[in-house]
Amino acid sequence: MPRSQIQLKRKGVSYAKYGYLFSLPFVIVFIIFMLYPTVFTAVIGFTDFKGVVATSFNFLEKPFENFIGTLNNKTFRASLVNTIVIWVMNFIPQISLALLLTAWFTNRSRKIRGQGAFKVLFYLPNIITAATVAILYSVIFGYPVGPINDILQSLHLISKPFDFSTSPLAAKFVVAFIQFWQWYGYTTIILISGVLGINPELFEAAEIDGASPSQTFFQITLPCMRTILIFTLITSLIGGLNMFDIPKLYIWNGGPANTTMTTSVFIYAQAFSGTYLYNRAAAASMIMFMIIAVLSAITFYLMRDRSEIRAKRAMKRIEKLRKGAEA
């Protein structure tokens, strides 16, 4: 073999195997701690597995009995409604405030000083532990003495202290507000990063054409942020439908009349709070998995880029016509 060919062969060494080696630890951890528990949960949903010291289980004669029983459970249906309502109550103001802050920070006509400090302050609630947040808001909305009650009484909005933990609507509002307070900063940072990834020439062209800041934001910024908005909506949907820590820690066991009980709290109660119905808890988990998957698919479908789809269809028609003309 000529010397030049030997050198080229040496230079063409593939380093792909090293990529597989570096990703191997993640794959192993994912299989052990994520994939196996998920598959095992799906399996025991079709069994009679329950009891604190249970070591074996048998598959049911009616395989979907646990799923039907869970869907017929009034508490589960109520917890599902609570989960959706609380998520909507916190996500709408969360995304609205995040978009407002994003438009403010990325406005090219304003030179906002200390943006880094603002971003840190906005993101700070997201890194505080859930237990700390629950204790903090238990004090803030405390009864009969608490800052919120003191402020409302000083403004003469209430005549006597109000117990937020015993009012179904107020308890649900507080849980939604805590979720909003914890996550609006994270959403803002994600949206700002999406705006910074847009080609600056588009904004320069808009300024030259005399577009107002609102026109630039709605006609250029938002359409170019479609992917980031889909990511934000999907991650918020998954996180919202899996709410557990704040509803569990702020008001123990679902609050007044189970109005703050989410599906995750219901699953925990089924599996670990005295009954140890692991099969029912697994069935409820799989039901939530399917609900999240369906809603995510619907979100992707509704937020798809219709203009790009139309362009692809037009290209396919042109290609067919070209092939027909050549034939």
Protein backbone atom coordinates (compact mmCIF):
# COMPACT_ATOMS: atom_id res chain seq x y z
CA MET A 1 0.00 0.00 0.00
CA PRO A 2 1.43 3.45 -0.89
CA ARG A 3 2.68 5.60 1.99
CA SER A 4 0.19 8.39 1.20
CA GLN A 5 -2.79 6.00 1.50
CA ILE A 6 -1.48 4.68 4.87
CA GLN A 7 -1.27 8.27 6.19
CA LEU A 8 -4.80 9.05 5.00
CA LYS A 9 -6.10 5.92 6.70
CA ARG A 10 -4.47 6.95 9.96
CA LYS A 11 -5.89 10.45 9.69
CA GLY A 12 -9.38 9.00 9.12
CA VAL A 13 -9.58 7.40 12.56
CA SER A 14 -13.16 7.50 13.88
CA TYR A 15 -13.61 8.95 17.32
CA ALA A 16 -17.31 8.02 17.54
CA LYS A 17 -16.54 5.18 19.95
CA TYR A 18 -15.26 7.67 22.52
CA GLY A 19 -18.59 9.47 22.38
CA TYR A 20 -20.35 6.22 23.21
CA LEU A 21 -17.96 5.63 26.10
CA PHE A 22 -18.56 9.11 27.55
CA SER A 23 -22.35 8.67 27.28
CA LEU A 24 -22.23 5.20 28.87
CA PRO A 25 -22.49 6.44 32.52
CA PHE A 26 -25.66 8.37 31.70
CA VAL A 27 -27.16 5.38 29.90
CA ILE A 28 -26.45 3.10 32.85
CA VAL A 29 -27.90 5.54 35.39
CA PHE A 30 -30.94 6.16 33.18
CA ILE A 31 -31.66 2.44 32.79
CA ILE A 32 -31.29 1.71 36.52
CA PHE A 33 -33.04 4.74 38.01
CA MET A 34 -35.48 5.82 35.27
CA LEU A 35 -36.28 3.15 32.70
CA TYR A 36 -36.50 0.15 35.04
CA PRO A 37 -38.75 1.91 37.65
CA THR A 38 -41.01 3.16 34.85
CA VAL A 39 -41.38 -0.29 33.29
CA PHE A 40 -41.86 -1.90 36.70
CA THR A 41 -44.56 0.66 37.57
CA ALA A 42 -46.37 -0.09 34.32
CA VAL A 43 -46.22 -3.83 35.05
CA ILE A 44 -47.54 -3.72 38.62
CA GLY A 45 -50.49 -1.67 37.43
CA PHE A 46 -51.86 -4.96 36.08
CA THR A 47 -51.23 -6.93 39.30
CA ASP A 48 -52.48 -7.30 42.89
CA PHE A 49 -49.24 -5.92 44.34
CA LYS A 50 -49.99 -4.23 47.69
CA GLY A 51 -49.05 -4.34 51.35
CA VAL A 52 -46.11 -2.90 53.27
CA VAL A 53 -44.18 -6.18 53.32
CA ALA A 54 -45.29 -7.51 49.91
CA THR A 55 -42.55 -9.35 48.05
CA SER A 56 -44.52 -11.03 45.26
CA PHE A 57 -47.53 -10.33 43.10
CA ASN A 58 -49.89 -12.01 40.65
CA PHE A 59 -51.37 -10.68 37.43
CA LEU A 60 -55.10 -10.00 37.65
CA GLU A 61 -57.67 -12.00 35.69
CA LYS A 62 -59.13 -8.66 34.59
CA PRO A 63 -55.92 -6.83 33.60
CA PHE A 64 -57.44 -3.32 33.54
CA GLU A 65 -59.21 -3.63 36.88
CA ASN A 66 -56.84 -1.24 38.66
CA PHE A 67 -57.13 1.35 35.90
CA ILE A 68 -60.93 1.20 35.86
CA GLY A 69 -61.06 1.38 39.65
CA THR A 70 -58.77 4.41 39.65
CA LEU A 71 -60.81 6.22 37.01
CA ASN A 72 -63.99 5.51 38.98
CA ASN A 73 -62.43 6.86 42.17
CA LYS A 74 -64.04 10.21 43.01
CA THR A 75 -60.96 11.40 44.87
CA PHE A 76 -58.74 10.72 41.85
CA ARG A 77 -61.10 12.59 39.52
CA ALA A 78 -61.23 15.50 41.96
CA SER A 79 -57.43 15.53 42.25
CA LEU A 80 -57.12 15.57 38.45
CA VAL A 81 -59.44 18.57 38.23
CA ASN A 82 -57.51 20.30 41.04
CA THR A 83 -54.22 19.68 39.25
CA ILE A 84 -55.44 21.17 35.98
CA VAL A 85 -57.10 24.17 37.68
CA ILE A 86 -54.04 24.98 39.81
CA TRP A 87 -51.74 24.64 36.80
CA VAL A 88 -53.90 26.97 34.68
CA MET A 89 -54.16 29.46 37.57
CA ASN A 90 -50.39 29.70 37.86
CA PHE A 91 -49.31 29.23 34.23
CA ILE A 92 -51.37 32.02 32.65
CA PRO A 93 -49.97 34.80 34.88
CA GLN A 94 -46.55 33.10 34.80
CA ILE A 95 -46.20 33.15 31.01
CA SER A 96 -47.79 36.61 30.81
CA LEU A 97 -45.33 38.15 33.28
CA ALA A 98 -42.42 36.25 31.70
CA LEU A 99 -43.30 37.64 28.25
CA LEU A 100 -43.66 41.15 29.69
CA LEU A 101 -40.26 40.97 31.39
CA THR A 102 -38.73 39.47 28.26
CA ALA A 103 -40.04 42.35 26.14
CA TRP A 104 -38.69 44.81 28.71
CA PHE A 105 -35.22 43.30 28.99
CA THR A 106 -34.73 42.75 25.25
CA ASN A 107 -36.03 46.16 24.13
CA ARG A 108 -33.20 47.59 22.02
CA SER A 109 -34.30 51.20 22.59
CA ARG A 110 -33.85 50.93 26.37
CA LYS A 111 -30.49 50.37 28.02
CA ILE A 112 -31.48 48.64 31.25
CA ARG A 113 -28.69 48.60 33.80
CA GLY A 114 -28.08 45.72 36.18
CA GLN A 115 -29.78 43.10 34.05
CA GLY A 116 -27.68 40.36 35.62
CA ALA A 117 -28.82 41.30 39.12
CA PHE A 118 -32.46 41.35 38.01
CA LYS A 119 -32.15 37.92 36.42
CA VAL A 120 -30.59 36.48 39.58
CA LEU A 121 -33.40 37.92 41.72
CA PHE A 122 -36.07 36.59 39.37
CA TYR A 123 -34.51 33.12 39.28
CA LEU A 124 -33.81 32.94 43.02
CA PRO A 125 -37.22 31.50 44.07
CA ASN A 126 -36.64 28.52 41.77
CA ILE A 127 -33.57 27.32 43.69
CA ILE A 128 -35.14 27.54 47.17
CA THR A 129 -36.18 24.14 48.49
CA ALA A 130 -39.89 23.32 48.53
CA ALA A 131 -39.90 22.72 52.30
CA THR A 132 -38.46 26.20 52.89
CA VAL A 133 -41.01 27.78 50.56
CA ALA A 134 -43.88 25.93 52.25
CA ILE A 135 -42.80 27.12 55.69
CA LEU A 136 -42.27 30.67 54.39
CA TYR A 137 -45.75 30.95 52.94
CA SER A 138 -47.33 29.25 55.94
CA VAL A 139 -45.97 32.16 57.97
CA ILE A 140 -46.89 34.82 55.38
CA PHE A 141 -50.49 33.59 55.15
CA GLY A 142 -50.56 32.67 58.83
CA TYR A 143 -53.70 32.74 60.96
CA PRO A 144 -54.60 34.60 63.11
CA VAL A 145 -51.32 36.52 62.91
CA GLY A 146 -49.48 36.92 59.63
CA PRO A 147 -48.20 39.62 57.25
CA ILE A 148 -51.01 39.17 54.72
CA ASN A 149 -53.72 39.38 57.37
CA ASP A 150 -52.05 42.45 58.88
CA ILE A 151 -51.91 44.18 55.48
CA LEU A 152 -55.51 43.33 54.60
CA GLN A 153 -56.74 44.55 57.99
CA SER A 154 -54.71 47.77 57.79
CA LEU A 155 -56.28 48.46 54.37
CA HIS A 156 -59.73 47.73 55.87
CA LEU A 157 -60.33 45.00 53.29
CA ILE A 158 -61.22 42.51 56.04
CA SER A 159 -62.56 43.14 59.54
CA LYS A 160 -61.00 40.08 61.20
CA PRO A 161 -58.18 37.64 60.40
CA PHE A 162 -58.89 35.29 57.51
CA ASP A 163 -57.78 31.65 57.61
CA PHE A 164 -56.47 30.85 54.13
CA SER A 165 -55.85 27.20 55.00
CA THR A 166 -59.53 26.44 55.70
CA SER A 167 -61.03 28.19 52.68
CA PRO A 168 -61.11 25.88 49.63
CA LEU A 169 -60.78 28.70 47.08
CA ALA A 170 -58.16 30.64 49.07
CA ALA A 171 -56.05 27.53 49.67
CA LYS A 172 -56.08 26.69 45.96
CA PHE A 173 -55.17 30.29 45.12
CA VAL A 174 -52.23 30.27 47.54
CA VAL A 175 -50.84 27.01 46.09
CA ALA A 176 -51.18 28.42 42.54
CA PHE A 177 -49.50 31.67 43.62
CA ILE A 178 -46.56 29.80 45.17
CA GLN A 179 -46.10 27.81 41.96
CA PHE A 180 -46.26 31.03 39.94
CA TRP A 181 -43.74 32.76 42.25
CA GLN A 182 -41.31 29.85 42.05
CA TRP A 183 -41.33 29.41 38.27
CA TYR A 184 -41.89 32.79 36.59
CA GLY A 185 -38.16 33.61 36.86
CA TYR A 186 -37.15 30.34 35.20
CA THR A 187 -39.62 30.94 32.38
CA THR A 188 -38.32 34.49 31.94
CA ILE A 189 -34.71 33.32 31.63
CA ILE A 190 -35.68 30.71 29.03
CA LEU A 191 -37.64 33.24 26.96
CA ILE A 192 -34.86 35.83 27.13
CA SER A 193 -32.37 33.24 25.89
CA GLY A 194 -34.76 32.50 23.02
CA VAL A 195 -34.91 36.17 22.03
CA LEU A 196 -31.12 36.51 22.17
CA GLY A 197 -30.89 33.65 19.67
CA ILE A 198 -32.86 35.57 17.02
CA ASN A 199 -30.88 37.11 14.17
CA PRO A 200 -30.25 40.79 15.16
CA GLU A 201 -30.58 41.84 11.51
CA LEU A 202 -34.34 41.23 11.74
CA PHE A 203 -34.65 43.79 14.54
CA GLU A 204 -32.41 46.25 12.71
CA ALA A 205 -34.57 45.94 9.60
CA ALA A 206 -37.69 46.53 11.71
CA GLU A 207 -36.15 49.69 13.21
CA ILE A 208 -35.24 50.99 9.76
CA ASP A 209 -38.80 50.36 8.57
CA GLY A 210 -40.12 52.34 11.55
CA ALA A 211 -41.80 49.48 13.41
CA SER A 212 -42.86 50.26 16.98
CA PRO A 213 -41.58 48.14 19.88
CA SER A 214 -44.96 46.39 20.20
CA GLN A 215 -45.07 45.64 16.47
CA THR A 216 -41.52 44.28 16.61
CA PHE A 217 -42.35 42.06 19.58
CA PHE A 218 -45.59 40.62 18.17
CA GLN A 219 -44.60 40.43 14.49
CA ILE A 220 -40.94 39.34 14.78
CA THR A 221 -40.03 38.21 18.29
CA LEU A 222 -42.96 35.92 19.08
CA PRO A 223 -43.07 34.13 15.68
CA CYS A 224 -39.31 33.48 15.89
CA MET A 225 -39.72 32.07 19.42
CA ARG A 226 -42.12 29.30 18.42
CA THR A 227 -39.71 26.51 19.40
CA ILE A 228 -38.88 28.10 22.76
CA LEU A 229 -42.57 28.67 23.50
CA ILE A 230 -43.35 25.02 22.71
CA PHE A 231 -40.53 23.94 25.03
CA THR A 232 -41.81 26.24 27.80
CA LEU A 233 -45.40 25.08 27.44
CA ILE A 234 -44.53 21.38 27.35
CA THR A 235 -42.16 21.52 30.33
CA SER A 236 -44.65 23.60 32.31
CA LEU A 237 -47.43 21.15 31.42
CA ILE A 238 -45.36 18.18 32.57
CA GLY A 239 -44.26 19.93 35.75
CA GLY A 240 -47.74 21.27 36.48
CA LEU A 241 -49.45 17.92 36.13
CA ASN A 242 -46.79 16.40 38.41
CA MET A 243 -47.16 18.98 41.21
CA PHE A 244 -46.37 17.37 44.52
CA ASP A 245 -44.09 19.21 46.93
CA ILE A 246 -45.98 22.48 47.50
CA PRO A 247 -49.51 20.95 47.60
CA LYS A 248 -48.18 18.27 49.95
CA LEU A 249 -46.11 20.47 52.27
CA TYR A 250 -48.08 23.74 52.38
CA ILE A 251 -51.41 22.21 53.46
CA TRP A 252 -51.08 18.62 54.64
CA ASN A 253 -53.18 15.90 52.96
CA GLY A 254 -54.89 17.98 50.29
CA GLY A 255 -56.13 20.93 52.27
CA PRO A 256 -59.77 21.67 53.05
CA ALA A 257 -62.07 19.09 51.42
CA ASN A 258 -59.16 17.89 49.22
CA THR A 259 -59.24 21.12 47.19
CA THR A 260 -55.43 21.25 46.94
CA MET A 261 -54.91 17.52 46.47
CA THR A 262 -53.16 16.95 43.16
CA THR A 263 -52.80 13.64 41.35
CA SER A 264 -49.23 13.22 42.62
CA VAL A 265 -50.41 13.68 46.20
CA PHE A 266 -53.20 11.16 45.52
CA ILE A 267 -50.67 8.65 44.14
CA TYR A 268 -48.44 9.13 47.19
CA ALA A 269 -51.41 8.61 49.50
CA GLN A 270 -52.39 5.42 47.70
CA ALA A 271 -48.88 3.98 47.84
CA PHE A 272 -47.47 5.13 51.18
CA SER A 273 -50.13 6.60 53.48
CA GLY A 274 -51.47 3.55 55.29
CA THR A 275 -53.18 1.70 52.43
CA TYR A 276 -50.04 0.65 50.49
CA LEU A 277 -52.03 0.01 47.32
CA TYR A 278 -49.02 -0.04 45.04
CA ASN A 279 -51.06 -1.46 42.17
CA ARG A 280 -53.61 1.36 42.30
CA ALA A 281 -50.84 3.96 42.65
CA ALA A 282 -49.07 2.48 39.62
CA ALA A 283 -52.30 2.52 37.61
CA ALA A 284 -52.87 6.18 38.50
CA SER A 285 -49.27 6.97 37.48
CA MET A 286 -49.75 5.33 34.09
CA ILE A 287 -53.04 7.18 33.57
CA MET A 288 -51.26 10.48 34.25
CA PHE A 289 -48.46 9.44 31.89
CA MET A 290 -50.99 8.89 29.11
CA ILE A 291 -52.78 12.18 29.84
CA ILE A 292 -49.49 14.11 29.72
CA ALA A 293 -48.46 12.34 26.49
CA VAL A 294 -51.80 13.13 24.79
CA LEU A 295 -51.80 16.78 25.91
CA SER A 296 -48.20 17.19 24.78
CA ALA A 297 -49.04 15.76 21.37
CA ILE A 298 -52.02 18.12 21.06
CA THR A 299 -49.79 21.06 22.03
CA PHE A 300 -47.22 20.13 19.38
CA TYR A 301 -49.99 19.84 16.78
CA LEU A 302 -51.63 23.17 17.62
CA MET A 303 -48.34 25.10 17.73
CA ARG A 304 -46.81 23.60 14.59
CA ASP A 305 -45.45 25.94 11.93
CA ARG A 306 -48.28 25.91 9.40
CA SER A 307 -46.45 28.10 6.88
CA GLU A 308 -43.52 25.67 6.79
CA ILE A 309 -45.90 22.75 6.31
CA ARG A 310 -47.60 24.55 3.42
CA ALA A 311 -44.21 25.30 1.86
CA LYS A 312 -43.19 21.62 2.09
CA ARG A 313 -46.46 20.54 0.48
CA ALA A 314 -45.96 23.05 -2.32
CA MET A 315 -42.43 21.74 -2.91
CA LYS A 316 -43.74 18.17 -3.07
CA ARG A 317 -46.38 19.18 -5.65
CA ILE A 318 -43.74 20.96 -7.72
CA GLU A 319 -41.49 17.91 -7.53
CA LYS A 320 -44.33 15.65 -8.68
CA LEU A 321 -45.14 17.97 -11.59
CA ARG A 322 -41.45 18.07 -12.56
CA LYS A 323 -41.19 14.27 -12.53
CA GLY A 324 -44.41 14.02 -14.55
CA ALA A 325 -43.08 16.46 -17.14
CA GLU A 326 -39.80 14.53 -17.42
CA ALA A 327 -41.69 11.27 -17.87
